[in-house]
Amino acid sequence: MFVRLLVGSASDDFCTNCSVLAMTHSPSIIALDTVRAWHSGPRLIVEVDIVMNAEQTLRETHDVAEELQMKLESLPDVDRAYVHVDYETSHAPEHFLKKEL
């Protein structure tokens, strides 16, 4: 079990809790695109992609995302959280470039 905590995915329950936290964080959040969490040592790193209205200002979207990041990082098992903002979900995944070792 300890080896799983060094590197590996977080539990489905934890990811579900992060999803609920993100969707109820602000009425400005229209949808979630992605929620990921993984161990990097004994604590977790969380990545959440939220969808907001394209007409909102940079200031508005930034403030919602930053507040969500701080809320996620306040969870006891979370070391770091990354919140990305987009205005749609129909794009192809941008970060799936496989690198050779």
N, C-alpha and C. Protein backbone atom coordinates (compact mmCIF):
# COMPACT_ATOMS: atom_id res chain seq x y z
N MET A 1 0.83 -1.20 0.00
CA MET A 1 0.00 0.00 0.00
C MET A 1 0.86 1.25 0.00
N PHE A 2 1.97 1.25 0.75
CA PHE A 2 2.79 2.45 0.83
C PHE A 2 3.35 2.85 -0.53
N VAL A 3 3.72 1.86 -1.36
CA VAL A 3 4.26 2.18 -2.67
C VAL A 3 3.21 2.90 -3.52
N ARG A 4 1.95 2.52 -3.41
CA ARG A 4 0.89 3.19 -4.15
C ARG A 4 0.79 4.67 -3.77
N LEU A 5 1.09 4.98 -2.53
CA LEU A 5 1.02 6.36 -2.09
C LEU A 5 2.16 7.20 -2.66
N LEU A 6 3.26 6.58 -3.01
CA LEU A 6 4.37 7.34 -3.58
C LEU A 6 4.05 7.85 -4.98
N VAL A 7 3.43 7.00 -5.77
CA VAL A 7 3.05 7.38 -7.13
C VAL A 7 1.79 6.60 -7.49
N GLY A 8 0.79 7.28 -8.01
CA GLY A 8 -0.41 6.59 -8.43
C GLY A 8 -1.63 7.48 -8.35
N SER A 9 -2.71 6.99 -8.87
CA SER A 9 -3.96 7.76 -8.92
C SER A 9 -4.61 7.82 -7.56
N ALA A 10 -5.34 8.89 -7.34
CA ALA A 10 -6.15 9.01 -6.13
C ALA A 10 -7.40 8.15 -6.29
N SER A 11 -8.09 7.94 -5.21
CA SER A 11 -9.30 7.11 -5.25
C SER A 11 -10.40 7.80 -6.05
N ASP A 12 -11.32 7.00 -6.56
CA ASP A 12 -12.47 7.54 -7.28
C ASP A 12 -13.31 8.43 -6.36
N ASP A 13 -13.44 8.03 -5.10
CA ASP A 13 -14.20 8.84 -4.14
C ASP A 13 -13.58 10.23 -3.97
N PHE A 14 -12.26 10.29 -3.90
CA PHE A 14 -11.60 11.58 -3.75
C PHE A 14 -11.85 12.45 -4.97
N CYS A 15 -11.74 11.87 -6.16
CA CYS A 15 -11.99 12.64 -7.39
C CYS A 15 -13.44 13.10 -7.48
N THR A 16 -14.36 12.26 -7.03
CA THR A 16 -15.77 12.66 -7.00
C THR A 16 -15.97 13.83 -6.06
N ASN A 17 -15.34 13.78 -4.89
CA ASN A 17 -15.45 14.89 -3.94
C ASN A 17 -14.88 16.18 -4.53
N CYS A 18 -13.77 16.09 -5.26
CA CYS A 18 -13.20 17.28 -5.91
C CYS A 18 -14.14 17.81 -6.98
N SER A 19 -14.80 16.92 -7.70
CA SER A 19 -15.75 17.33 -8.73
C SER A 19 -16.93 18.08 -8.11
N VAL A 20 -17.46 17.55 -7.04
CA VAL A 20 -18.59 18.20 -6.36
C VAL A 20 -18.15 19.56 -5.81
N LEU A 21 -16.98 19.60 -5.20
CA LEU A 21 -16.47 20.86 -4.67
C LEU A 21 -16.34 21.90 -5.79
N ALA A 22 -15.82 21.49 -6.94
CA ALA A 22 -15.62 22.42 -8.06
C ALA A 22 -16.95 22.89 -8.63
N MET A 23 -17.91 21.97 -8.82
CA MET A 23 -19.18 22.35 -9.44
C MET A 23 -20.03 23.23 -8.52
N THR A 24 -19.84 23.12 -7.22
CA THR A 24 -20.63 23.94 -6.30
C THR A 24 -19.86 25.18 -5.84
N HIS A 25 -18.65 25.35 -6.32
CA HIS A 25 -17.81 26.48 -5.90
C HIS A 25 -18.38 27.83 -6.33
N SER A 26 -18.85 27.91 -7.56
CA SER A 26 -19.34 29.18 -8.09
C SER A 26 -20.40 28.93 -9.16
N PRO A 27 -21.44 29.76 -9.18
CA PRO A 27 -22.44 29.63 -10.25
C PRO A 27 -21.87 30.00 -11.62
N SER A 28 -20.70 30.62 -11.66
CA SER A 28 -20.06 30.97 -12.93
C SER A 28 -19.46 29.76 -13.63
N ILE A 29 -19.25 28.68 -12.90
CA ILE A 29 -18.69 27.47 -13.50
C ILE A 29 -19.83 26.73 -14.19
N ILE A 30 -19.73 26.63 -15.52
CA ILE A 30 -20.77 26.00 -16.33
C ILE A 30 -20.65 24.48 -16.32
N ALA A 31 -19.42 23.99 -16.37
CA ALA A 31 -19.19 22.55 -16.44
C ALA A 31 -17.76 22.24 -16.01
N LEU A 32 -17.51 20.95 -15.82
CA LEU A 32 -16.16 20.46 -15.60
C LEU A 32 -15.74 19.70 -16.84
N ASP A 33 -14.52 19.91 -17.26
CA ASP A 33 -14.00 19.16 -18.40
C ASP A 33 -13.22 17.95 -17.90
N THR A 34 -12.35 18.16 -16.91
CA THR A 34 -11.50 17.10 -16.41
C THR A 34 -11.24 17.30 -14.93
N VAL A 35 -11.18 16.20 -14.20
CA VAL A 35 -10.72 16.21 -12.82
C VAL A 35 -9.76 15.04 -12.66
N ARG A 36 -8.54 15.35 -12.26
CA ARG A 36 -7.51 14.32 -12.05
C ARG A 36 -6.87 14.56 -10.69
N ALA A 37 -6.45 13.48 -10.05
CA ALA A 37 -5.70 13.60 -8.80
C ALA A 37 -4.76 12.41 -8.72
N TRP A 38 -3.55 12.66 -8.30
CA TRP A 38 -2.56 11.60 -8.21
C TRP A 38 -1.61 11.86 -7.05
N HIS A 39 -1.04 10.78 -6.57
CA HIS A 39 -0.06 10.86 -5.49
C HIS A 39 1.29 11.26 -6.05
N SER A 40 1.93 12.14 -5.36
CA SER A 40 3.33 12.47 -5.60
C SER A 40 3.96 12.52 -4.22
N GLY A 41 4.32 11.35 -3.72
CA GLY A 41 4.68 11.23 -2.32
C GLY A 41 3.40 10.94 -1.54
N PRO A 42 3.37 11.24 -0.27
CA PRO A 42 2.22 10.89 0.55
C PRO A 42 1.00 11.78 0.33
N ARG A 43 1.16 12.90 -0.34
CA ARG A 43 0.03 13.82 -0.57
C ARG A 43 -0.35 13.83 -2.04
N LEU A 44 -1.42 14.56 -2.36
CA LEU A 44 -1.99 14.53 -3.70
C LEU A 44 -1.77 15.83 -4.47
N ILE A 45 -1.71 15.68 -5.77
CA ILE A 45 -1.76 16.80 -6.70
C ILE A 45 -3.09 16.68 -7.43
N VAL A 46 -3.81 17.79 -7.54
CA VAL A 46 -5.14 17.80 -8.16
C VAL A 46 -5.10 18.74 -9.37
N GLU A 47 -5.72 18.29 -10.45
CA GLU A 47 -5.86 19.12 -11.65
C GLU A 47 -7.34 19.14 -12.04
N VAL A 48 -7.88 20.34 -12.19
CA VAL A 48 -9.29 20.51 -12.53
C VAL A 48 -9.39 21.48 -13.71
N ASP A 49 -10.13 21.08 -14.73
CA ASP A 49 -10.41 21.96 -15.87
C ASP A 49 -11.87 22.38 -15.77
N ILE A 50 -12.09 23.68 -15.59
CA ILE A 50 -13.45 24.20 -15.47
C ILE A 50 -13.83 24.95 -16.75
N VAL A 51 -15.12 25.00 -17.00
CA VAL A 51 -15.64 25.70 -18.17
C VAL A 51 -16.45 26.90 -17.67
N MET A 52 -16.12 28.07 -18.23
CA MET A 52 -16.83 29.30 -17.87
C MET A 52 -17.25 30.01 -19.15
N ASN A 53 -18.17 30.95 -19.02
CA ASN A 53 -18.69 31.70 -20.15
C ASN A 53 -17.57 32.49 -20.83
N ALA A 54 -17.50 32.42 -22.14
CA ALA A 54 -16.47 33.12 -22.90
C ALA A 54 -16.57 34.63 -22.78
N GLU A 55 -17.74 35.13 -22.40
CA GLU A 55 -17.94 36.57 -22.29
C GLU A 55 -17.48 37.15 -20.95
N GLN A 56 -17.15 36.28 -20.01
CA GLN A 56 -16.67 36.79 -18.71
C GLN A 56 -15.28 37.39 -18.87
N THR A 57 -14.97 38.34 -18.02
CA THR A 57 -13.66 39.00 -18.11
C THR A 57 -12.57 38.08 -17.57
N LEU A 58 -11.35 38.39 -17.95
CA LEU A 58 -10.20 37.67 -17.42
C LEU A 58 -10.17 37.78 -15.90
N ARG A 59 -10.46 38.95 -15.38
CA ARG A 59 -10.46 39.14 -13.93
C ARG A 59 -11.46 38.20 -13.25
N GLU A 60 -12.68 38.10 -13.82
CA GLU A 60 -13.70 37.24 -13.22
C GLU A 60 -13.28 35.77 -13.25
N THR A 61 -12.83 35.31 -14.39
CA THR A 61 -12.44 33.90 -14.50
C THR A 61 -11.23 33.60 -13.63
N HIS A 62 -10.27 34.51 -13.61
CA HIS A 62 -9.08 34.32 -12.77
C HIS A 62 -9.47 34.20 -11.30
N ASP A 63 -10.33 35.10 -10.83
CA ASP A 63 -10.69 35.10 -9.42
C ASP A 63 -11.41 33.82 -9.02
N VAL A 64 -12.32 33.34 -9.85
CA VAL A 64 -13.03 32.10 -9.56
C VAL A 64 -12.04 30.94 -9.52
N ALA A 65 -11.15 30.86 -10.50
CA ALA A 65 -10.18 29.77 -10.57
C ALA A 65 -9.21 29.81 -9.39
N GLU A 66 -8.75 30.99 -9.03
CA GLU A 66 -7.80 31.10 -7.91
C GLU A 66 -8.46 30.72 -6.58
N GLU A 67 -9.70 31.14 -6.39
CA GLU A 67 -10.43 30.77 -5.17
C GLU A 67 -10.65 29.26 -5.10
N LEU A 68 -10.96 28.64 -6.25
CA LEU A 68 -11.13 27.19 -6.29
C LEU A 68 -9.80 26.49 -5.99
N GLN A 69 -8.72 27.01 -6.55
CA GLN A 69 -7.40 26.44 -6.27
C GLN A 69 -7.11 26.46 -4.77
N MET A 70 -7.35 27.57 -4.12
CA MET A 70 -7.09 27.68 -2.68
C MET A 70 -8.00 26.73 -1.89
N LYS A 71 -9.25 26.59 -2.34
CA LYS A 71 -10.18 25.69 -1.65
C LYS A 71 -9.70 24.24 -1.77
N LEU A 72 -9.27 23.85 -2.97
CA LEU A 72 -8.76 22.49 -3.17
C LEU A 72 -7.49 22.26 -2.35
N GLU A 73 -6.60 23.25 -2.32
CA GLU A 73 -5.35 23.12 -1.57
C GLU A 73 -5.57 23.12 -0.06
N SER A 74 -6.74 23.54 0.39
CA SER A 74 -7.03 23.50 1.82
C SER A 74 -7.48 22.11 2.28
N LEU A 75 -7.77 21.21 1.33
CA LEU A 75 -8.11 19.84 1.70
C LEU A 75 -6.89 19.17 2.34
N PRO A 76 -7.09 18.36 3.37
CA PRO A 76 -5.95 17.86 4.15
C PRO A 76 -4.93 17.04 3.38
N ASP A 77 -5.36 16.29 2.37
CA ASP A 77 -4.42 15.42 1.64
C ASP A 77 -3.83 16.05 0.39
N VAL A 78 -4.18 17.31 0.10
CA VAL A 78 -3.75 17.94 -1.15
C VAL A 78 -2.51 18.80 -0.91
N ASP A 79 -1.49 18.52 -1.70
CA ASP A 79 -0.26 19.30 -1.65
C ASP A 79 -0.35 20.50 -2.59
N ARG A 80 -0.90 20.28 -3.81
CA ARG A 80 -0.96 21.34 -4.82
C ARG A 80 -2.16 21.09 -5.71
N ALA A 81 -2.80 22.18 -6.15
CA ALA A 81 -3.93 22.08 -7.07
C ALA A 81 -3.69 23.02 -8.25
N TYR A 82 -4.06 22.57 -9.41
CA TYR A 82 -3.99 23.36 -10.63
C TYR A 82 -5.39 23.47 -11.20
N VAL A 83 -5.84 24.67 -11.47
CA VAL A 83 -7.17 24.90 -12.04
C VAL A 83 -6.98 25.59 -13.38
N HIS A 84 -7.49 24.97 -14.43
CA HIS A 84 -7.43 25.52 -15.78
C HIS A 84 -8.83 25.99 -16.16
N VAL A 85 -8.91 27.07 -16.91
CA VAL A 85 -10.20 27.61 -17.33
C VAL A 85 -10.28 27.57 -18.85
N ASP A 86 -11.42 27.12 -19.36
CA ASP A 86 -11.68 27.14 -20.79
C ASP A 86 -13.11 27.61 -20.99
N TYR A 87 -13.49 27.87 -22.23
CA TYR A 87 -14.85 28.32 -22.53
C TYR A 87 -15.65 27.27 -23.30
N GLU A 88 -15.06 26.10 -23.55
CA GLU A 88 -15.76 25.03 -24.25
C GLU A 88 -15.10 23.69 -23.92
N THR A 89 -15.79 22.60 -24.28
CA THR A 89 -15.25 21.27 -23.99
C THR A 89 -15.03 20.43 -25.25
N SER A 90 -15.26 21.00 -26.41
CA SER A 90 -15.20 20.21 -27.64
C SER A 90 -13.81 20.14 -28.26
N HIS A 91 -12.82 20.67 -27.61
CA HIS A 91 -11.46 20.66 -28.14
C HIS A 91 -10.80 19.29 -27.94
N ALA A 92 -9.79 19.03 -28.75
CA ALA A 92 -9.00 17.81 -28.58
C ALA A 92 -8.07 18.00 -27.38
N PRO A 93 -7.73 16.92 -26.71
CA PRO A 93 -6.80 17.05 -25.58
C PRO A 93 -5.48 17.66 -26.03
N GLU A 94 -5.05 18.70 -25.33
CA GLU A 94 -3.84 19.41 -25.74
C GLU A 94 -2.57 18.81 -25.17
N HIS A 95 -2.67 18.09 -24.07
CA HIS A 95 -1.46 17.70 -23.34
C HIS A 95 -1.18 16.22 -23.39
N PHE A 96 -1.46 15.58 -24.51
CA PHE A 96 -1.24 14.15 -24.59
C PHE A 96 -0.09 13.77 -25.50
N LEU A 97 0.88 14.64 -25.65
CA LEU A 97 2.07 14.33 -26.43
C LEU A 97 2.92 13.33 -25.66
N LYS A 98 3.13 12.16 -26.23
CA LYS A 98 3.95 11.14 -25.58
C LYS A 98 5.40 11.39 -25.90
N LYS A 99 6.22 11.36 -24.87
CA LYS A 99 7.65 11.58 -25.03
C LYS A 99 8.37 10.26 -24.84
N GLU A 100 9.40 10.04 -25.63
CA GLU A 100 10.20 8.84 -25.45
C GLU A 100 11.18 9.05 -24.33
N LEU A 101 11.45 7.98 -23.60
CA LEU A 101 12.44 8.05 -22.51
C LEU A 101 13.83 7.90 -23.04
